[in-house]
């Protein structure tokens, strides 16, 4: 709890990973991938309840061993490749209120594919949202490796067209990166959202989003190559 705010940490981990089979429970640095997220979350000063939303019994069993709550199983229809986060969160919040009469004030999104998040970023995000009542959510962001000002789409004629332009300027995609407007990528290491934003505004973020700026490279495990790099960094002691 932070002051009067009840805090829910919600870990999203469905079964059926295709890029890395059984990714969420595969051993990374000697323990299941999902365990890294559970341990970082349980070290938080403010999280009141840490709950897993999954459709997979094996993932649930592993998470339970590391101290995560599994009060319900996620319906299969909410665990498809194209399932968005919003209905998953609504399902979890509805279940907790109807079955346990418990309603959090702030909900933290925790994805197992970010095993190297810092507990201090979790607590920082909670405090930032709790202390700013007009804010809908807090996102972790960082500088992307490639600026969208150097990206292109393809028009109906098959020609390249810049995705972003600067009014009154020509060929800004040829400018040095340092001269282009600074932009940030939403990495989703730690996102915190108000209950009202999800359930009343029917949004995962709302309109007023405050950033927490992540330093250095942000690691999101999405491919076998990402996994190999993560193992390498752990073995070298570069990252924990």
C-alpha atoms as a PDB file:
ATOM      1  CA  UNK A   1       0.000   0.000   0.000  1.00  0.00           C
ATOM      2  CA  UNK A   2       1.148   3.528  -0.721  1.00  0.00           C
ATOM      3  CA  UNK A   3      -0.545   5.855   1.770  1.00  0.00           C
ATOM      4  CA  UNK A   4      -4.233   4.983   1.255  1.00  0.00           C
ATOM      5  CA  UNK A   5      -3.792   3.426  -2.185  1.00  0.00           C
ATOM      6  CA  UNK A   6      -4.236  -0.329  -2.523  1.00  0.00           C
ATOM      7  CA  UNK A   7      -1.795  -1.682  -5.091  1.00  0.00           C
ATOM      8  CA  UNK A   8      -2.239  -4.715  -7.333  1.00  0.00           C
ATOM      9  CA  UNK A   9       0.620  -6.201  -9.312  1.00  0.00           C
ATOM     10  CA  UNK A  10      -0.811  -8.172 -12.239  1.00  0.00           C
ATOM     11  CA  UNK A  11       1.483 -10.536 -14.143  1.00  0.00           C
ATOM     12  CA  UNK A  12       0.316 -11.470 -17.638  1.00  0.00           C
ATOM     13  CA  UNK A  13       1.574 -14.884 -18.771  1.00  0.00           C
ATOM     14  CA  UNK A  14      -0.474 -16.937 -21.185  1.00  0.00           C
ATOM     15  CA  UNK A  15       0.554 -20.334 -22.487  1.00  0.00           C
ATOM     16  CA  UNK A  16       1.251 -21.190 -26.104  1.00  0.00           C
ATOM     17  CA  UNK A  17       4.361 -19.146 -26.821  1.00  0.00           C
ATOM     18  CA  UNK A  18       5.476 -19.868 -30.384  1.00  0.00           C
ATOM     19  CA  UNK A  19       8.794 -18.022 -30.713  1.00  0.00           C
ATOM     20  CA  UNK A  20      10.205 -19.658 -27.566  1.00  0.00           C
ATOM     21  CA  UNK A  21       8.242 -22.761 -26.475  1.00  0.00           C
ATOM     22  CA  UNK A  22       7.146 -22.613 -22.812  1.00  0.00           C
ATOM     23  CA  UNK A  23       8.933 -19.285 -22.572  1.00  0.00           C
ATOM     24  CA  UNK A  24       7.446 -18.161 -19.271  1.00  0.00           C
ATOM     25  CA  UNK A  25       8.740 -21.188 -17.367  1.00  0.00           C
ATOM     26  CA  UNK A  26      11.955 -21.827 -19.300  1.00  0.00           C
ATOM     27  CA  UNK A  27      15.044 -21.449 -17.126  1.00  0.00           C
ATOM     28  CA  UNK A  28      16.905 -18.170 -17.520  1.00  0.00           C
ATOM     29  CA  UNK A  29      19.969 -17.797 -15.345  1.00  0.00           C
ATOM     30  CA  UNK A  30      18.966 -20.931 -13.459  1.00  0.00           C
ATOM     31  CA  UNK A  31      15.339 -20.052 -12.674  1.00  0.00           C
ATOM     32  CA  UNK A  32      12.077 -19.782 -14.623  1.00  0.00           C
ATOM     33  CA  UNK A  33      11.674 -16.600 -16.633  1.00  0.00           C
ATOM     34  CA  UNK A  34       8.515 -15.694 -14.722  1.00  0.00           C
ATOM     35  CA  UNK A  35      10.370 -16.022 -11.397  1.00  0.00           C
ATOM     36  CA  UNK A  36      12.495 -12.964 -12.198  1.00  0.00           C
ATOM     37  CA  UNK A  37       9.371 -10.812 -12.428  1.00  0.00           C
ATOM     38  CA  UNK A  38       7.811 -12.330  -9.297  1.00  0.00           C
ATOM     39  CA  UNK A  39      10.940 -11.719  -7.229  1.00  0.00           C
ATOM     40  CA  UNK A  40      11.296  -8.100  -8.374  1.00  0.00           C
ATOM     41  CA  UNK A  41       7.621  -7.443  -7.649  1.00  0.00           C
ATOM     42  CA  UNK A  42       7.654  -9.106  -4.218  1.00  0.00           C
ATOM     43  CA  UNK A  43      10.579  -6.870  -3.255  1.00  0.00           C
ATOM     44  CA  UNK A  44       8.391  -3.785  -3.821  1.00  0.00           C
ATOM     45  CA  UNK A  45       7.519  -1.707  -0.774  1.00  0.00           C
ATOM     46  CA  UNK A  46       4.036  -0.958  -2.042  1.00  0.00           C
ATOM     47  CA  UNK A  47       2.468  -3.962  -3.790  1.00  0.00           C
ATOM     48  CA  UNK A  48      -0.342  -5.391  -1.627  1.00  0.00           C
ATOM     49  CA  UNK A  49      -1.190  -8.344  -3.852  1.00  0.00           C
ATOM     50  CA  UNK A  50       0.737  -9.989  -6.664  1.00  0.00           C
ATOM     51  CA  UNK A  51      -1.563 -11.982  -8.951  1.00  0.00           C
ATOM     52  CA  UNK A  52      -0.974 -14.029 -12.066  1.00  0.00           C
ATOM     53  CA  UNK A  53      -3.413 -14.024 -14.983  1.00  0.00           C
ATOM     54  CA  UNK A  54      -2.794 -17.173 -17.027  1.00  0.00           C
ATOM     55  CA  UNK A  55      -4.663 -19.882 -18.879  1.00  0.00           C
ATOM     56  CA  UNK A  56      -1.835 -22.395 -18.378  1.00  0.00           C
ATOM     57  CA  UNK A  57      -1.803 -24.749 -15.367  1.00  0.00           C
ATOM     58  CA  UNK A  58       1.943 -25.367 -15.622  1.00  0.00           C
ATOM     59  CA  UNK A  59       2.747 -21.650 -15.553  1.00  0.00           C
ATOM     60  CA  UNK A  60       0.375 -21.248 -12.619  1.00  0.00           C
ATOM     61  CA  UNK A  61       2.097 -24.014 -10.647  1.00  0.00           C
ATOM     62  CA  UNK A  62       5.552 -22.518 -11.180  1.00  0.00           C
ATOM     63  CA  UNK A  63       4.369 -19.032 -10.253  1.00  0.00           C
ATOM     64  CA  UNK A  64       2.729 -20.346  -7.101  1.00  0.00           C
ATOM     65  CA  UNK A  65       6.026 -21.918  -5.975  1.00  0.00           C
ATOM     66  CA  UNK A  66       7.633 -18.483  -6.143  1.00  0.00           C
ATOM     67  CA  UNK A  67       4.915 -16.877  -4.047  1.00  0.00           C
ATOM     68  CA  UNK A  68       2.508 -15.462  -6.611  1.00  0.00           C
ATOM     69  CA  UNK A  69      -1.274 -15.654  -6.092  1.00  0.00           C
ATOM     70  CA  UNK A  70      -3.417 -17.506  -8.639  1.00  0.00           C
ATOM     71  CA  UNK A  71      -6.997 -16.912  -7.435  1.00  0.00           C
ATOM     72  CA  UNK A  72      -8.465 -17.638 -10.888  1.00  0.00           C
ATOM     73  CA  UNK A  73      -7.538 -19.036 -14.284  1.00  0.00           C
ATOM     74  CA  UNK A  74      -7.850 -16.883 -17.366  1.00  0.00           C
ATOM     75  CA  UNK A  75     -10.476 -18.077 -19.886  1.00  0.00           C
ATOM     76  CA  UNK A  76      -9.017 -19.532 -23.067  1.00  0.00           C
ATOM     77  CA  UNK A  77     -10.792 -16.935 -25.189  1.00  0.00           C
ATOM     78  CA  UNK A  78      -8.717 -14.261 -23.409  1.00  0.00           C
ATOM     79  CA  UNK A  79      -5.427 -16.043 -24.099  1.00  0.00           C
ATOM     80  CA  UNK A  80      -5.220 -15.914 -27.882  1.00  0.00           C
ATOM     81  CA  UNK A  81      -2.361 -14.505 -29.976  1.00  0.00           C
ATOM     82  CA  UNK A  82      -4.413 -11.414 -30.798  1.00  0.00           C
ATOM     83  CA  UNK A  83      -5.955 -10.850 -27.353  1.00  0.00           C
ATOM     84  CA  UNK A  84      -5.519  -7.271 -26.158  1.00  0.00           C
ATOM     85  CA  UNK A  85      -4.600  -6.372 -22.581  1.00  0.00           C
ATOM     86  CA  UNK A  86      -7.810  -4.501 -21.792  1.00  0.00           C
ATOM     87  CA  UNK A  87     -10.278  -7.440 -21.564  1.00  0.00           C
ATOM     88  CA  UNK A  88      -7.695  -9.417 -19.566  1.00  0.00           C
ATOM     89  CA  UNK A  89      -7.509  -6.647 -16.981  1.00  0.00           C
ATOM     90  CA  UNK A  90     -11.269  -6.233 -16.865  1.00  0.00           C
ATOM     91  CA  UNK A  91     -11.642  -9.981 -16.273  1.00  0.00           C
ATOM     92  CA  UNK A  92      -9.146  -9.886 -13.380  1.00  0.00           C
ATOM     93  CA  UNK A  93     -10.643  -6.797 -11.728  1.00  0.00           C
ATOM     94  CA  UNK A  94     -14.223  -8.032 -12.141  1.00  0.00           C
ATOM     95  CA  UNK A  95     -13.309 -11.411 -10.639  1.00  0.00           C
ATOM     96  CA  UNK A  96     -11.598  -9.883  -7.605  1.00  0.00           C
ATOM     97  CA  UNK A  97     -14.487  -7.540  -6.887  1.00  0.00           C
ATOM     98  CA  UNK A  98     -17.256 -10.114  -7.393  1.00  0.00           C
ATOM     99  CA  UNK A  99     -15.561 -13.034  -5.631  1.00  0.00           C
ATOM    100  CA  UNK A 100     -13.467 -11.334  -2.945  1.00  0.00           C
ATOM    101  CA  UNK A 101     -15.001  -7.878  -2.657  1.00  0.00           C
ATOM    102  CA  UNK A 102     -11.530  -6.442  -3.234  1.00  0.00           C
ATOM    103  CA  UNK A 103     -10.780  -3.491  -5.475  1.00  0.00           C
ATOM    104  CA  UNK A 104      -7.316  -1.977  -5.965  1.00  0.00           C
ATOM    105  CA  UNK A 105      -6.683   1.692  -6.569  1.00  0.00           C
ATOM    106  CA  UNK A 106      -3.621   1.264  -8.773  1.00  0.00           C
ATOM    107  CA  UNK A 107      -2.759  -1.677 -11.030  1.00  0.00           C
ATOM    108  CA  UNK A 108       0.783  -2.469 -12.151  1.00  0.00           C
ATOM    109  CA  UNK A 109       1.256  -4.295 -15.440  1.00  0.00           C
ATOM    110  CA  UNK A 110       4.121  -6.789 -15.125  1.00  0.00           C
ATOM    111  CA  UNK A 111       5.243  -8.755 -18.174  1.00  0.00           C
ATOM    112  CA  UNK A 112       7.602 -11.731 -17.678  1.00  0.00           C
ATOM    113  CA  UNK A 113       9.475 -10.806 -20.862  1.00  0.00           C
ATOM    114  CA  UNK A 114      11.121  -7.965 -18.899  1.00  0.00           C
ATOM    115  CA  UNK A 115      13.142  -9.971 -16.356  1.00  0.00           C
ATOM    116  CA  UNK A 116      15.662  -7.202 -15.745  1.00  0.00           C
ATOM    117  CA  UNK A 117      13.283  -4.486 -14.561  1.00  0.00           C
ATOM    118  CA  UNK A 118      14.273  -2.771 -11.326  1.00  0.00           C
ATOM    119  CA  UNK A 119      12.139  -2.899  -8.197  1.00  0.00           C
ATOM    120  CA  UNK A 120      12.904   0.773  -7.602  1.00  0.00           C
ATOM    121  CA  UNK A 121      11.204   1.586 -10.922  1.00  0.00           C
ATOM    122  CA  UNK A 122       8.078  -0.228  -9.737  1.00  0.00           C
ATOM    123  CA  UNK A 123       7.989   1.832  -6.543  1.00  0.00           C
ATOM    124  CA  UNK A 124       8.867   5.037  -8.372  1.00  0.00           C
ATOM    125  CA  UNK A 125       5.984   4.533 -10.809  1.00  0.00           C
ATOM    126  CA  UNK A 126       3.513   3.840  -7.994  1.00  0.00           C
ATOM    127  CA  UNK A 127       4.526   6.978  -6.101  1.00  0.00           C
ATOM    128  CA  UNK A 128       4.405   9.133  -9.222  1.00  0.00           C
ATOM    129  CA  UNK A 129       0.856   8.086 -10.068  1.00  0.00           C
ATOM    130  CA  UNK A 130      -0.404   8.202  -6.479  1.00  0.00           C
ATOM    131  CA  UNK A 131       0.970  11.711  -5.969  1.00  0.00           C
ATOM    132  CA  UNK A 132      -0.622  13.084  -9.154  1.00  0.00           C
ATOM    133  CA  UNK A 133      -4.412  12.635  -8.963  1.00  0.00           C
ATOM    134  CA  UNK A 134      -5.040  14.146 -12.407  1.00  0.00           C
ATOM    135  CA  UNK A 135      -2.808  11.561 -14.084  1.00  0.00           C
ATOM    136  CA  UNK A 136      -4.368   8.421 -15.600  1.00  0.00           C
ATOM    137  CA  UNK A 137      -1.260   6.246 -15.800  1.00  0.00           C
ATOM    138  CA  UNK A 138       2.525   6.100 -15.653  1.00  0.00           C
ATOM    139  CA  UNK A 139       4.574   4.440 -18.383  1.00  0.00           C
ATOM    140  CA  UNK A 140       8.220   3.403 -18.573  1.00  0.00           C
ATOM    141  CA  UNK A 141       9.763   4.828 -21.729  1.00  0.00           C
ATOM    142  CA  UNK A 142      13.189   5.086 -23.323  1.00  0.00           C
ATOM    143  CA  UNK A 143      14.956   6.427 -26.382  1.00  0.00           C
ATOM    144  CA  UNK A 144      14.360   4.015 -29.315  1.00  0.00           C
ATOM    145  CA  UNK A 145      17.331   2.646 -31.256  1.00  0.00           C
ATOM    146  CA  UNK A 146      15.887   4.162 -34.462  1.00  0.00           C
ATOM    147  CA  UNK A 147      13.916   7.408 -34.591  1.00  0.00           C
ATOM    148  CA  UNK A 148      10.546   7.273 -36.425  1.00  0.00           C
ATOM    149  CA  UNK A 149      11.653  10.409 -38.278  1.00  0.00           C
ATOM    150  CA  UNK A 150      13.870   8.080 -40.332  1.00  0.00           C
ATOM    151  CA  UNK A 151      11.114   5.520 -41.002  1.00  0.00           C
ATOM    152  CA  UNK A 152       8.976   5.109 -44.108  1.00  0.00           C
ATOM    153  CA  UNK A 153       5.646   3.704 -45.177  1.00  0.00           C
ATOM    154  CA  UNK A 154       4.647   2.669 -48.681  1.00  0.00           C
ATOM    155  CA  UNK A 155       1.869   4.563 -50.459  1.00  0.00           C
ATOM    156  CA  UNK A 156      -0.714   3.176 -52.886  1.00  0.00           C
ATOM    157  CA  UNK A 157       1.662   3.654 -55.787  1.00  0.00           C
ATOM    158  CA  UNK A 158       4.365   1.596 -54.102  1.00  0.00           C
ATOM    159  CA  UNK A 159       6.583   4.577 -53.308  1.00  0.00           C
ATOM    160  CA  UNK A 160       8.280   5.237 -49.984  1.00  0.00           C
ATOM    161  CA  UNK A 161       6.813   8.059 -47.917  1.00  0.00           C
ATOM    162  CA  UNK A 162       8.250   9.317 -44.603  1.00  0.00           C
ATOM    163  CA  UNK A 163       6.192   8.393 -41.570  1.00  0.00           C
ATOM    164  CA  UNK A 164       6.914  11.699 -39.824  1.00  0.00           C
ATOM    165  CA  UNK A 165       7.828  15.103 -41.241  1.00  0.00           C
ATOM    166  CA  UNK A 166       8.653  18.502 -39.775  1.00  0.00           C
ATOM    167  CA  UNK A 167       6.496  21.342 -41.018  1.00  0.00           C
ATOM    168  CA  UNK A 168       8.373  23.710 -43.321  1.00  0.00           C
ATOM    169  CA  UNK A 169      11.426  21.451 -43.632  1.00  0.00           C
ATOM    170  CA  UNK A 170      12.462  19.158 -46.478  1.00  0.00           C
ATOM    171  CA  UNK A 171      14.000  15.692 -46.308  1.00  0.00           C
ATOM    172  CA  UNK A 172      14.327  15.683 -42.548  1.00  0.00           C
ATOM    173  CA  UNK A 173      14.876  11.924 -42.795  1.00  0.00           C
ATOM    174  CA  UNK A 174      18.365  12.814 -44.072  1.00  0.00           C
ATOM    175  CA  UNK A 175      19.158  14.943 -41.035  1.00  0.00           C
ATOM    176  CA  UNK A 176      21.568  13.698 -38.356  1.00  0.00           C
ATOM    177  CA  UNK A 177      19.651  11.960 -35.578  1.00  0.00           C
ATOM    178  CA  UNK A 178      20.866  14.577 -33.085  1.00  0.00           C
ATOM    179  CA  UNK A 179      19.012  17.350 -34.945  1.00  0.00           C
ATOM    180  CA  UNK A 180      15.676  15.549 -35.009  1.00  0.00           C
ATOM    181  CA  UNK A 181      13.000  15.984 -32.306  1.00  0.00           C
ATOM    182  CA  UNK A 182      13.515  13.688 -29.327  1.00  0.00           C
ATOM    183  CA  UNK A 183      11.023  10.844 -29.124  1.00  0.00           C
ATOM    184  CA  UNK A 184      10.458   7.995 -26.680  1.00  0.00           C
ATOM    185  CA  UNK A 185       9.359   4.397 -27.068  1.00  0.00           C
ATOM    186  CA  UNK A 186       6.883   2.787 -24.678  1.00  0.00           C
ATOM    187  CA  UNK A 187       8.720  -0.275 -23.398  1.00  0.00           C
ATOM    188  CA  UNK A 188       6.169  -1.573 -20.886  1.00  0.00           C
ATOM    189  CA  UNK A 189       8.695  -2.679 -18.250  1.00  0.00           C
ATOM    190  CA  UNK A 190       6.497  -1.174 -15.556  1.00  0.00           C
ATOM    191  CA  UNK A 191       3.138   0.456 -16.287  1.00  0.00           C
ATOM    192  CA  UNK A 192       0.823   1.659 -13.537  1.00  0.00           C
ATOM    193  CA  UNK A 193      -2.812   2.558 -14.196  1.00  0.00           C
ATOM    194  CA  UNK A 194      -5.675   3.814 -12.043  1.00  0.00           C
ATOM    195  CA  UNK A 195      -8.641   1.512 -11.485  1.00  0.00           C
ATOM    196  CA  UNK A 196     -10.924   4.257 -12.810  1.00  0.00           C
ATOM    197  CA  UNK A 197      -8.897   4.582 -16.006  1.00  0.00           C
ATOM    198  CA  UNK A 198      -9.492   0.914 -16.818  1.00  0.00           C
ATOM    199  CA  UNK A 199     -13.000   0.373 -15.536  1.00  0.00           C
ATOM    200  CA  UNK A 200     -14.625   3.783 -16.059  1.00  0.00           C
ATOM    201  CA  UNK A 201     -12.646   5.352 -18.903  1.00  0.00           C
ATOM    202  CA  UNK A 202     -12.303   1.906 -20.484  1.00  0.00           C
ATOM    203  CA  UNK A 203      -8.664   2.473 -21.331  1.00  0.00           C
ATOM    204  CA  UNK A 204      -5.318   0.938 -20.401  1.00  0.00           C
ATOM    205  CA  UNK A 205      -3.651   4.337 -20.204  1.00  0.00           C
ATOM    206  CA  UNK A 206      -6.117   7.221 -20.402  1.00  0.00           C
ATOM    207  CA  UNK A 207      -5.141  10.589 -21.823  1.00  0.00           C
ATOM    208  CA  UNK A 208      -2.773  11.917 -19.173  1.00  0.00           C
ATOM    209  CA  UNK A 209       0.312   9.694 -19.036  1.00  0.00           C
ATOM    210  CA  UNK A 210       3.455  10.559 -17.089  1.00  0.00           C
ATOM    211  CA  UNK A 211       6.784   9.010 -18.103  1.00  0.00           C
ATOM    212  CA  UNK A 212       9.516   7.278 -16.175  1.00  0.00           C
ATOM    213  CA  UNK A 213      12.647   7.468 -18.297  1.00  0.00           C
ATOM    214  CA  UNK A 214      14.666   4.260 -18.462  1.00  0.00           C
ATOM    215  CA  UNK A 215      18.414   4.551 -18.802  1.00  0.00           C
ATOM    216  CA  UNK A 216      20.523   2.445 -21.149  1.00  0.00           C
ATOM    217  CA  UNK A 217      19.352  -0.501 -23.224  1.00  0.00           C
ATOM    218  CA  UNK A 218      15.941  -1.934 -22.397  1.00  0.00           C
ATOM    219  CA  UNK A 219      15.760  -5.714 -22.652  1.00  0.00           C
ATOM    220  CA  UNK A 220      12.536  -7.396 -23.800  1.00  0.00           C
ATOM    221  CA  UNK A 221      12.824 -11.135 -24.487  1.00  0.00           C
ATOM    222  CA  UNK A 222      10.842 -11.848 -27.628  1.00  0.00           C
ATOM    223  CA  UNK A 223      13.030 -14.180 -29.702  1.00  0.00           C
ATOM    224  CA  UNK A 224      15.600 -16.977 -29.300  1.00  0.00           C
ATOM    225  CA  UNK A 225      18.348 -14.427 -30.022  1.00  0.00           C
ATOM    226  CA  UNK A 226      17.050 -12.195 -27.205  1.00  0.00           C
ATOM    227  CA  UNK A 227      17.153 -15.226 -24.914  1.00  0.00           C
ATOM    228  CA  UNK A 228      20.755 -16.056 -25.810  1.00  0.00           C
ATOM    229  CA  UNK A 229      21.804 -12.467 -25.201  1.00  0.00           C
ATOM    230  CA  UNK A 230      20.044 -12.428 -21.820  1.00  0.00           C
ATOM    231  CA  UNK A 231      21.853 -15.606 -20.777  1.00  0.00           C
ATOM    232  CA  UNK A 232      25.158 -14.106 -21.890  1.00  0.00           C
ATOM    233  CA  UNK A 233      24.605 -10.905 -19.915  1.00  0.00           C
ATOM    234  CA  UNK A 234      23.679 -12.845 -16.793  1.00  0.00           C
ATOM    235  CA  UNK A 235      26.750 -15.098 -17.057  1.00  0.00           C
ATOM    236  CA  UNK A 236      29.008 -12.074 -17.537  1.00  0.00           C
ATOM    237  CA  UNK A 237      27.438 -10.366 -14.526  1.00  0.00           C
ATOM    238  CA  UNK A 238      26.527  -7.370 -16.672  1.00  0.00           C
ATOM    239  CA  UNK A 239      22.877  -7.533 -15.671  1.00  0.00           C
ATOM    240  CA  UNK A 240      20.793  -9.165 -12.947  1.00  0.00           C
END
